[in-house]
């Protein structure tokens, strides 16, 4: 894995069971909780927004909606100083 955002290989067989997809989403969520959440926590205006925002991102990642999670992070930085470089690195690399 070259990137901190890299995730384990998806199976290459023609069928992917629900457990495999769920495991992938769990690993992705753990990576975001470890690498992204600590950085973005202070961008929220108050504790209520922080809880709601982080929950929205968690739900999006759990459902495999990675673009929604990324857009939520982009929105936090859009109004103040521009989007930082780490946000543009929030992509999935299958290795």
PDB file of N, CA and C in Angstrom:
ATOM      1  N   UNK A   1       0.839  -1.177   0.000  1.00  0.00           N
ATOM      2  CA  UNK A   1       0.000   0.000   0.000  1.00  0.00           C
ATOM      3  C   UNK A   1       0.883   1.238   0.000  1.00  0.00           C
ATOM      4  N   UNK A   2       0.797   2.025  -1.031  1.00  0.00           N
ATOM      5  CA  UNK A   2       1.643   3.197  -1.171  1.00  0.00           C
ATOM      6  C   UNK A   2       1.113   4.405  -0.413  1.00  0.00           C
ATOM      7  N   UNK A   3      -0.159   4.530  -0.264  1.00  0.00           N
ATOM      8  CA  UNK A   3      -0.784   5.714   0.297  1.00  0.00           C
ATOM      9  C   UNK A   3      -1.427   5.387   1.634  1.00  0.00           C
ATOM     10  N   UNK A   4      -1.562   6.413   2.483  1.00  0.00           N
ATOM     11  CA  UNK A   4      -2.277   6.188   3.737  1.00  0.00           C
ATOM     12  C   UNK A   4      -3.742   5.925   3.475  1.00  0.00           C
ATOM     13  N   UNK A   5      -4.190   6.255   2.274  1.00  0.00           N
ATOM     14  CA  UNK A   5      -5.598   6.057   1.920  1.00  0.00           C
ATOM     15  C   UNK A   5      -5.809   4.735   1.198  1.00  0.00           C
ATOM     16  N   UNK A   6      -4.738   4.002   0.942  1.00  0.00           N
ATOM     17  CA  UNK A   6      -4.867   2.735   0.242  1.00  0.00           C
ATOM     18  C   UNK A   6      -5.616   1.745   1.123  1.00  0.00           C
ATOM     19  N   UNK A   7      -6.364   0.896   0.485  1.00  0.00           N
ATOM     20  CA  UNK A   7      -7.125  -0.109   1.206  1.00  0.00           C
ATOM     21  C   UNK A   7      -6.761  -1.481   0.651  1.00  0.00           C
ATOM     22  N   UNK A   8      -7.056  -2.529   1.403  1.00  0.00           N
ATOM     23  CA  UNK A   8      -6.718  -3.864   0.925  1.00  0.00           C
ATOM     24  C   UNK A   8      -7.392  -4.167  -0.407  1.00  0.00           C
ATOM     25  N   UNK A   9      -6.800  -5.110  -1.102  1.00  0.00           N
ATOM     26  CA  UNK A   9      -7.342  -5.510  -2.399  1.00  0.00           C
ATOM     27  C   UNK A   9      -8.745  -6.045  -2.274  1.00  0.00           C
ATOM     28  N   UNK A  10      -9.565  -5.677  -3.246  1.00  0.00           N
ATOM     29  CA  UNK A  10     -10.880  -6.291  -3.355  1.00  0.00           C
ATOM     30  C   UNK A  10     -10.705  -7.624  -4.071  1.00  0.00           C
ATOM     31  N   UNK A  11     -11.552  -8.563  -3.762  1.00  0.00           N
ATOM     32  CA  UNK A  11     -11.445  -9.852  -4.452  1.00  0.00           C
ATOM     33  C   UNK A  11     -11.637  -9.674  -5.951  1.00  0.00           C
ATOM     34  N   UNK A  12     -10.894 -10.449  -6.726  1.00  0.00           N
ATOM     35  CA  UNK A  12     -10.993 -10.331  -8.177  1.00  0.00           C
ATOM     36  C   UNK A  12     -11.970 -11.332  -8.772  1.00  0.00           C
ATOM     37  N   UNK A  13     -12.518 -12.184  -7.954  1.00  0.00           N
ATOM     38  CA  UNK A  13     -13.481 -13.155  -8.482  1.00  0.00           C
ATOM     39  C   UNK A  13     -14.752 -12.434  -8.917  1.00  0.00           C
ATOM     40  N   UNK A  14     -15.544 -13.104  -9.716  1.00  0.00           N
ATOM     41  CA  UNK A  14     -16.749 -12.499 -10.269  1.00  0.00           C
ATOM     42  C   UNK A  14     -17.808 -12.181  -9.234  1.00  0.00           C
ATOM     43  N   UNK A  15     -17.790 -12.851  -8.105  1.00  0.00           N
ATOM     44  CA  UNK A  15     -18.799 -12.600  -7.082  1.00  0.00           C
ATOM     45  C   UNK A  15     -18.143 -12.044  -5.826  1.00  0.00           C
ATOM     46  N   UNK A  16     -18.778 -11.040  -5.290  1.00  0.00           N
ATOM     47  CA  UNK A  16     -18.309 -10.440  -4.041  1.00  0.00           C
ATOM     48  C   UNK A  16     -19.456 -10.557  -3.052  1.00  0.00           C
ATOM     49  N   UNK A  17     -19.196 -11.217  -1.942  1.00  0.00           N
ATOM     50  CA  UNK A  17     -20.277 -11.397  -0.975  1.00  0.00           C
ATOM     51  C   UNK A  17     -20.451 -10.144  -0.119  1.00  0.00           C
ATOM     52  N   UNK A  18     -21.578 -10.056   0.540  1.00  0.00           N
ATOM     53  CA  UNK A  18     -21.932  -8.883   1.343  1.00  0.00           C
ATOM     54  C   UNK A  18     -20.940  -8.665   2.481  1.00  0.00           C
ATOM     55  N   UNK A  19     -20.411  -9.754   3.049  1.00  0.00           N
ATOM     56  CA  UNK A  19     -19.445  -9.627   4.140  1.00  0.00           C
ATOM     57  C   UNK A  19     -18.165  -8.937   3.687  1.00  0.00           C
ATOM     58  N   UNK A  20     -17.726  -9.248   2.483  1.00  0.00           N
ATOM     59  CA  UNK A  20     -16.509  -8.628   1.945  1.00  0.00           C
ATOM     60  C   UNK A  20     -16.713  -7.127   1.756  1.00  0.00           C
ATOM     61  N   UNK A  21     -17.853  -6.759   1.209  1.00  0.00           N
ATOM     62  CA  UNK A  21     -18.152  -5.329   1.002  1.00  0.00           C
ATOM     63  C   UNK A  21     -18.246  -4.618   2.338  1.00  0.00           C
ATOM     64  N   UNK A  22     -18.899  -5.248   3.304  1.00  0.00           N
ATOM     65  CA  UNK A  22     -19.023  -4.647   4.629  1.00  0.00           C
ATOM     66  C   UNK A  22     -17.659  -4.488   5.284  1.00  0.00           C
ATOM     67  N   UNK A  23     -16.790  -5.493   5.163  1.00  0.00           N
ATOM     68  CA  UNK A  23     -15.442  -5.411   5.719  1.00  0.00           C
ATOM     69  C   UNK A  23     -14.666  -4.260   5.094  1.00  0.00           C
ATOM     70  N   UNK A  24     -14.804  -4.087   3.796  1.00  0.00           N
ATOM     71  CA  UNK A  24     -14.143  -2.990   3.101  1.00  0.00           C
ATOM     72  C   UNK A  24     -14.597  -1.646   3.668  1.00  0.00           C
ATOM     73  N   UNK A  25     -15.902  -1.476   3.873  1.00  0.00           N
ATOM     74  CA  UNK A  25     -16.430  -0.219   4.401  1.00  0.00           C
ATOM     75  C   UNK A  25     -15.981   0.022   5.841  1.00  0.00           C
ATOM     76  N   UNK A  26     -15.892  -1.036   6.623  1.00  0.00           N
ATOM     77  CA  UNK A  26     -15.418  -0.915   8.005  1.00  0.00           C
ATOM     78  C   UNK A  26     -13.957  -0.454   8.016  1.00  0.00           C
ATOM     79  N   UNK A  27     -13.130  -1.049   7.168  1.00  0.00           N
ATOM     80  CA  UNK A  27     -11.720  -0.647   7.094  1.00  0.00           C
ATOM     81  C   UNK A  27     -11.579   0.800   6.636  1.00  0.00           C
ATOM     82  N   UNK A  28     -12.388   1.191   5.674  1.00  0.00           N
ATOM     83  CA  UNK A  28     -12.353   2.561   5.188  1.00  0.00           C
ATOM     84  C   UNK A  28     -12.751   3.536   6.289  1.00  0.00           C
ATOM     85  N   UNK A  29     -13.799   3.223   7.009  1.00  0.00           N
ATOM     86  CA  UNK A  29     -14.244   4.081   8.111  1.00  0.00           C
ATOM     87  C   UNK A  29     -13.161   4.191   9.176  1.00  0.00           C
ATOM     88  N   UNK A  30     -12.531   3.093   9.524  1.00  0.00           N
ATOM     89  CA  UNK A  30     -11.444   3.131  10.526  1.00  0.00           C
ATOM     90  C   UNK A  30     -10.298   4.027  10.063  1.00  0.00           C
ATOM     91  N   UNK A  31      -9.955   3.939   8.783  1.00  0.00           N
ATOM     92  CA  UNK A  31      -8.872   4.782   8.258  1.00  0.00           C
ATOM     93  C   UNK A  31      -9.242   6.258   8.364  1.00  0.00           C
ATOM     94  N   UNK A  32     -10.463   6.596   8.014  1.00  0.00           N
ATOM     95  CA  UNK A  32     -10.900   8.000   8.109  1.00  0.00           C
ATOM     96  C   UNK A  32     -10.934   8.457   9.564  1.00  0.00           C
ATOM     97  N   UNK A  33     -11.420   7.606  10.457  1.00  0.00           N
ATOM     98  CA  UNK A  33     -11.475   7.979  11.875  1.00  0.00           C
ATOM     99  C   UNK A  33     -10.075   8.224  12.430  1.00  0.00           C
ATOM    100  N   UNK A  34      -9.094   7.489  11.953  1.00  0.00           N
ATOM    101  CA  UNK A  34      -7.723   7.638  12.436  1.00  0.00           C
ATOM    102  C   UNK A  34      -6.990   8.805  11.779  1.00  0.00           C
ATOM    103  N   UNK A  35      -7.210   9.031  10.490  1.00  0.00           N
ATOM    104  CA  UNK A  35      -6.403   9.996   9.744  1.00  0.00           C
ATOM    105  C   UNK A  35      -7.112  11.323   9.450  1.00  0.00           C
ATOM    106  N   UNK A  36      -8.408  11.277   9.184  1.00  0.00           N
ATOM    107  CA  UNK A  36      -9.119  12.483   8.741  1.00  0.00           C
ATOM    108  C   UNK A  36      -9.847  13.164   9.892  1.00  0.00           C
ATOM    109  N   UNK A  37     -10.575  12.412  10.688  1.00  0.00           N
ATOM    110  CA  UNK A  37     -11.392  13.008  11.739  1.00  0.00           C
ATOM    111  C   UNK A  37     -10.605  13.899  12.698  1.00  0.00           C
ATOM    112  N   UNK A  38      -9.429  13.477  13.170  1.00  0.00           N
ATOM    113  CA  UNK A  38      -8.692  14.365  14.079  1.00  0.00           C
ATOM    114  C   UNK A  38      -8.348  15.720  13.444  1.00  0.00           C
ATOM    115  N   UNK A  39      -8.121  15.736  12.156  1.00  0.00           N
ATOM    116  CA  UNK A  39      -7.754  16.970  11.459  1.00  0.00           C
ATOM    117  C   UNK A  39      -8.952  17.886  11.251  1.00  0.00           C
ATOM    118  N   UNK A  40     -10.100  17.303  10.956  1.00  0.00           N
ATOM    119  CA  UNK A  40     -11.255  18.143  10.625  1.00  0.00           C
ATOM    120  C   UNK A  40     -12.104  18.521  11.831  1.00  0.00           C
ATOM    121  N   UNK A  41     -11.883  17.911  12.972  1.00  0.00           N
ATOM    122  CA  UNK A  41     -12.721  18.167  14.160  1.00  0.00           C
ATOM    123  C   UNK A  41     -12.827  19.655  14.483  1.00  0.00           C
ATOM    124  N   UNK A  42     -11.751  20.364  14.402  1.00  0.00           N
ATOM    125  CA  UNK A  42     -11.749  21.786  14.792  1.00  0.00           C
ATOM    126  C   UNK A  42     -12.395  22.694  13.752  1.00  0.00           C
ATOM    127  N   UNK A  43     -12.735  22.167  12.587  1.00  0.00           N
ATOM    128  CA  UNK A  43     -13.347  22.980  11.538  1.00  0.00           C
ATOM    129  C   UNK A  43     -14.834  23.220  11.771  1.00  0.00           C
ATOM    130  N   UNK A  44     -15.452  22.434  12.626  1.00  0.00           N
ATOM    131  CA  UNK A  44     -16.866  22.618  12.915  1.00  0.00           C
ATOM    132  C   UNK A  44     -17.048  23.789  13.880  1.00  0.00           C
ATOM    133  N   UNK A  45     -18.167  24.485  13.772  1.00  0.00           N
ATOM    134  CA  UNK A  45     -18.411  25.694  14.582  1.00  0.00           C
ATOM    135  C   UNK A  45     -18.690  25.386  16.045  1.00  0.00           C
ATOM    136  N   UNK A  46     -19.344  24.280  16.312  1.00  0.00           N
ATOM    137  CA  UNK A  46     -19.680  23.947  17.696  1.00  0.00           C
ATOM    138  C   UNK A  46     -19.805  22.420  17.828  1.00  0.00           C
ATOM    139  N   UNK A  47     -20.019  21.984  19.051  1.00  0.00           N
ATOM    140  CA  UNK A  47     -20.062  20.545  19.327  1.00  0.00           C
ATOM    141  C   UNK A  47     -21.221  19.854  18.615  1.00  0.00           C
ATOM    142  N   UNK A  48     -22.352  20.511  18.541  1.00  0.00           N
ATOM    143  CA  UNK A  48     -23.511  19.934  17.864  1.00  0.00           C
ATOM    144  C   UNK A  48     -23.226  19.703  16.377  1.00  0.00           C
ATOM    145  N   UNK A  49     -22.656  20.703  15.718  1.00  0.00           N
ATOM    146  CA  UNK A  49     -22.290  20.561  14.309  1.00  0.00           C
ATOM    147  C   UNK A  49     -21.224  19.487  14.126  1.00  0.00           C
ATOM    148  N   UNK A  50     -20.299  19.417  15.072  1.00  0.00           N
ATOM    149  CA  UNK A  50     -19.231  18.412  14.998  1.00  0.00           C
ATOM    150  C   UNK A  50     -19.828  17.008  15.045  1.00  0.00           C
ATOM    151  N   UNK A  51     -20.701  16.772  16.023  1.00  0.00           N
ATOM    152  CA  UNK A  51     -21.342  15.451  16.137  1.00  0.00           C
ATOM    153  C   UNK A  51     -22.105  15.102  14.865  1.00  0.00           C
ATOM    154  N   UNK A  52     -22.933  16.052  14.401  1.00  0.00           N
ATOM    155  CA  UNK A  52     -23.745  15.810  13.202  1.00  0.00           C
ATOM    156  C   UNK A  52     -22.878  15.592  11.964  1.00  0.00           C
ATOM    157  N   UNK A  53     -21.855  16.406  11.804  1.00  0.00           N
ATOM    158  CA  UNK A  53     -20.980  16.303  10.642  1.00  0.00           C
ATOM    159  C   UNK A  53     -20.201  15.005  10.606  1.00  0.00           C
ATOM    160  N   UNK A  54     -19.626  14.629  11.731  1.00  0.00           N
ATOM    161  CA  UNK A  54     -18.871  13.385  11.787  1.00  0.00           C
ATOM    162  C   UNK A  54     -19.789  12.182  11.596  1.00  0.00           C
ATOM    163  N   UNK A  55     -20.997  12.273  12.135  1.00  0.00           N
ATOM    164  CA  UNK A  55     -21.962  11.187  11.940  1.00  0.00           C
ATOM    165  C   UNK A  55     -22.369  11.074  10.474  1.00  0.00           C
ATOM    166  N   UNK A  56     -22.542  12.208   9.812  1.00  0.00           N
ATOM    167  CA  UNK A  56     -22.877  12.197   8.385  1.00  0.00           C
ATOM    168  C   UNK A  56     -21.771  11.527   7.577  1.00  0.00           C
ATOM    169  N   UNK A  57     -20.529  11.860   7.903  1.00  0.00           N
ATOM    170  CA  UNK A  57     -19.399  11.259   7.202  1.00  0.00           C
ATOM    171  C   UNK A  57     -19.325   9.762   7.487  1.00  0.00           C
ATOM    172  N   UNK A  58     -19.512   9.377   8.749  1.00  0.00           N
ATOM    173  CA  UNK A  58     -19.504   7.948   9.104  1.00  0.00           C
ATOM    174  C   UNK A  58     -20.562   7.177   8.319  1.00  0.00           C
ATOM    175  N   UNK A  59     -21.769   7.729   8.293  1.00  0.00           N
ATOM    176  CA  UNK A  59     -22.860   7.053   7.573  1.00  0.00           C
ATOM    177  C   UNK A  59     -22.546   6.924   6.087  1.00  0.00           C
ATOM    178  N   UNK A  60     -22.009   7.981   5.494  1.00  0.00           N
ATOM    179  CA  UNK A  60     -21.667   7.934   4.071  1.00  0.00           C
ATOM    180  C   UNK A  60     -20.621   6.857   3.805  1.00  0.00           C
ATOM    181  N   UNK A  61     -19.603   6.789   4.632  1.00  0.00           N
ATOM    182  CA  UNK A  61     -18.552   5.781   4.440  1.00  0.00           C
ATOM    183  C   UNK A  61     -19.085   4.370   4.669  1.00  0.00           C
ATOM    184  N   UNK A  62     -19.936   4.206   5.662  1.00  0.00           N
ATOM    185  CA  UNK A  62     -20.514   2.903   5.948  1.00  0.00           C
ATOM    186  C   UNK A  62     -21.337   2.395   4.771  1.00  0.00           C
ATOM    187  N   UNK A  63     -21.989   3.324   4.071  1.00  0.00           N
ATOM    188  CA  UNK A  63     -22.814   2.957   2.919  1.00  0.00           C
ATOM    189  C   UNK A  63     -22.031   2.945   1.613  1.00  0.00           C
ATOM    190  N   UNK A  64     -20.726   3.226   1.685  1.00  0.00           N
ATOM    191  CA  UNK A  64     -19.894   3.201   0.488  1.00  0.00           C
ATOM    192  C   UNK A  64     -19.976   4.467  -0.349  1.00  0.00           C
ATOM    193  N   UNK A  65     -20.516   5.532   0.202  1.00  0.00           N
ATOM    194  CA  UNK A  65     -20.661   6.796  -0.529  1.00  0.00           C
ATOM    195  C   UNK A  65     -19.462   7.697  -0.226  1.00  0.00           C
ATOM    196  N   UNK A  66     -18.321   7.300  -0.747  1.00  0.00           N
ATOM    197  CA  UNK A  66     -17.058   7.964  -0.464  1.00  0.00           C
ATOM    198  C   UNK A  66     -17.055   9.403  -0.970  1.00  0.00           C
ATOM    199  N   UNK A  67     -17.653   9.643  -2.127  1.00  0.00           N
ATOM    200  CA  UNK A  67     -17.701  11.001  -2.674  1.00  0.00           C
ATOM    201  C   UNK A  67     -18.466  11.952  -1.769  1.00  0.00           C
ATOM    202  N   UNK A  68     -19.538  11.478  -1.147  1.00  0.00           N
ATOM    203  CA  UNK A  68     -20.314  12.313  -0.226  1.00  0.00           C
ATOM    204  C   UNK A  68     -19.460  12.673   0.985  1.00  0.00           C
ATOM    205  N   UNK A  69     -18.738  11.715   1.521  1.00  0.00           N
ATOM    206  CA  UNK A  69     -17.864  11.975   2.665  1.00  0.00           C
ATOM    207  C   UNK A  69     -16.797  13.000   2.293  1.00  0.00           C
ATOM    208  N   UNK A  70     -16.201  12.841   1.127  1.00  0.00           N
ATOM    209  CA  UNK A  70     -15.163  13.764   0.663  1.00  0.00           C
ATOM    210  C   UNK A  70     -15.726  15.167   0.453  1.00  0.00           C
ATOM    211  N   UNK A  71     -16.913  15.266  -0.136  1.00  0.00           N
ATOM    212  CA  UNK A  71     -17.534  16.566  -0.360  1.00  0.00           C
ATOM    213  C   UNK A  71     -17.860  17.259   0.953  1.00  0.00           C
ATOM    214  N   UNK A  72     -18.235  16.493   1.961  1.00  0.00           N
ATOM    215  CA  UNK A  72     -18.507  17.064   3.280  1.00  0.00           C
ATOM    216  C   UNK A  72     -17.241  17.697   3.850  1.00  0.00           C
ATOM    217  N   UNK A  73     -16.126  17.010   3.712  1.00  0.00           N
ATOM    218  CA  UNK A  73     -14.855  17.564   4.191  1.00  0.00           C
ATOM    219  C   UNK A  73     -14.478  18.805   3.387  1.00  0.00           C
ATOM    220  N   UNK A  74     -14.653  18.766   2.075  1.00  0.00           N
ATOM    221  CA  UNK A  74     -14.352  19.928   1.237  1.00  0.00           C
ATOM    222  C   UNK A  74     -15.165  21.139   1.672  1.00  0.00           C
ATOM    223  N   UNK A  75     -16.426  20.936   1.988  1.00  0.00           N
ATOM    224  CA  UNK A  75     -17.300  22.029   2.404  1.00  0.00           C
ATOM    225  C   UNK A  75     -16.783  22.710   3.669  1.00  0.00           C
ATOM    226  N   UNK A  76     -16.208  21.935   4.585  1.00  0.00           N
ATOM    227  CA  UNK A  76     -15.688  22.505   5.826  1.00  0.00           C
ATOM    228  C   UNK A  76     -14.572  23.516   5.569  1.00  0.00           C
ATOM    229  N   UNK A  77     -13.828  23.319   4.509  1.00  0.00           N
ATOM    230  CA  UNK A  77     -12.676  24.165   4.222  1.00  0.00           C
ATOM    231  C   UNK A  77     -12.947  25.206   3.154  1.00  0.00           C
ATOM    232  N   UNK A  78     -14.041  25.080   2.463  1.00  0.00           N
ATOM    233  CA  UNK A  78     -14.334  25.923   1.311  1.00  0.00           C
ATOM    234  C   UNK A  78     -14.386  27.415   1.651  1.00  0.00           C
ATOM    235  N   UNK A  79     -14.992  27.773   2.774  1.00  0.00           N
ATOM    236  CA  UNK A  79     -15.204  29.173   3.131  1.00  0.00           C
ATOM    237  C   UNK A  79     -13.983  29.830   3.771  1.00  0.00           C
ATOM    238  N   UNK A  80     -13.099  29.053   4.352  1.00  0.00           N
ATOM    239  CA  UNK A  80     -11.975  29.612   5.113  1.00  0.00           C
ATOM    240  C   UNK A  80     -10.634  29.134   4.588  1.00  0.00           C
ATOM    241  N   UNK A  81     -10.035  29.891   3.717  1.00  0.00           N
ATOM    242  CA  UNK A  81      -8.672  29.596   3.301  1.00  0.00           C
ATOM    243  C   UNK A  81      -8.506  28.557   2.222  1.00  0.00           C
ATOM    244  N   UNK A  82      -9.549  28.019   1.708  1.00  0.00           N
ATOM    245  CA  UNK A  82      -9.418  27.050   0.628  1.00  0.00           C
ATOM    246  C   UNK A  82      -9.250  25.632   1.114  1.00  0.00           C
ATOM    247  N   UNK A  83      -9.390  24.731   0.197  1.00  0.00           N
ATOM    248  CA  UNK A  83      -9.335  23.312   0.494  1.00  0.00           C
ATOM    249  C   UNK A  83      -7.876  22.870   0.611  1.00  0.00           C
ATOM    250  N   UNK A  84      -7.495  22.259   1.745  1.00  0.00           N
ATOM    251  CA  UNK A  84      -6.102  21.827   1.922  1.00  0.00           C
ATOM    252  C   UNK A  84      -5.751  20.639   1.036  1.00  0.00           C
ATOM    253  N   UNK A  85      -4.482  20.436   0.883  1.00  0.00           N
ATOM    254  CA  UNK A  85      -3.980  19.376   0.010  1.00  0.00           C
ATOM    255  C   UNK A  85      -4.446  17.989   0.432  1.00  0.00           C
ATOM    256  N   UNK A  86      -4.537  17.747   1.738  1.00  0.00           N
ATOM    257  CA  UNK A  86      -4.896  16.400   2.173  1.00  0.00           C
ATOM    258  C   UNK A  86      -6.293  15.997   1.692  1.00  0.00           C
ATOM    259  N   UNK A  87      -7.175  16.968   1.462  1.00  0.00           N
ATOM    260  CA  UNK A  87      -8.520  16.637   0.993  1.00  0.00           C
ATOM    261  C   UNK A  87      -8.462  16.079  -0.418  1.00  0.00           C
ATOM    262  N   UNK A  88      -7.590  16.638  -1.226  1.00  0.00           N
ATOM    263  CA  UNK A  88      -7.479  16.126  -2.596  1.00  0.00           C
ATOM    264  C   UNK A  88      -6.878  14.727  -2.637  1.00  0.00           C
ATOM    265  N   UNK A  89      -6.257  14.314  -1.546  1.00  0.00           N
ATOM    266  CA  UNK A  89      -5.677  12.976  -1.461  1.00  0.00           C
ATOM    267  C   UNK A  89      -6.653  11.936  -0.915  1.00  0.00           C
ATOM    268  N   UNK A  90      -7.888  12.344  -0.626  1.00  0.00           N
ATOM    269  CA  UNK A  90      -8.879  11.418  -0.092  1.00  0.00           C
ATOM    270  C   UNK A  90      -9.495  10.587  -1.206  1.00  0.00           C
ATOM    271  N   UNK A  91      -8.676   9.761  -1.790  1.00  0.00           N
ATOM    272  CA  UNK A  91      -9.134   8.894  -2.865  1.00  0.00           C
ATOM    273  C   UNK A  91      -8.819   7.454  -2.491  1.00  0.00           C
ATOM    274  N   UNK A  92      -9.416   6.564  -3.198  1.00  0.00           N
ATOM    275  CA  UNK A  92      -9.192   5.144  -2.932  1.00  0.00           C
ATOM    276  C   UNK A  92      -8.212   4.585  -3.944  1.00  0.00           C
ATOM    277  N   UNK A  93      -7.186   3.933  -3.452  1.00  0.00           N
ATOM    278  CA  UNK A  93      -6.225   3.254  -4.303  1.00  0.00           C
ATOM    279  C   UNK A  93      -6.327   1.765  -4.038  1.00  0.00           C
ATOM    280  N   UNK A  94      -6.718   0.998  -5.034  1.00  0.00           N
ATOM    281  CA  UNK A  94      -6.756  -0.444  -4.871  1.00  0.00           C
ATOM    282  C   UNK A  94      -5.420  -0.998  -5.341  1.00  0.00           C
ATOM    283  N   UNK A  95      -4.716  -1.626  -4.393  1.00  0.00           N
ATOM    284  CA  UNK A  95      -3.394  -2.150  -4.717  1.00  0.00           C
ATOM    285  C   UNK A  95      -3.375  -3.649  -4.637  1.00  0.00           C
TER     286      UNK A  95
END
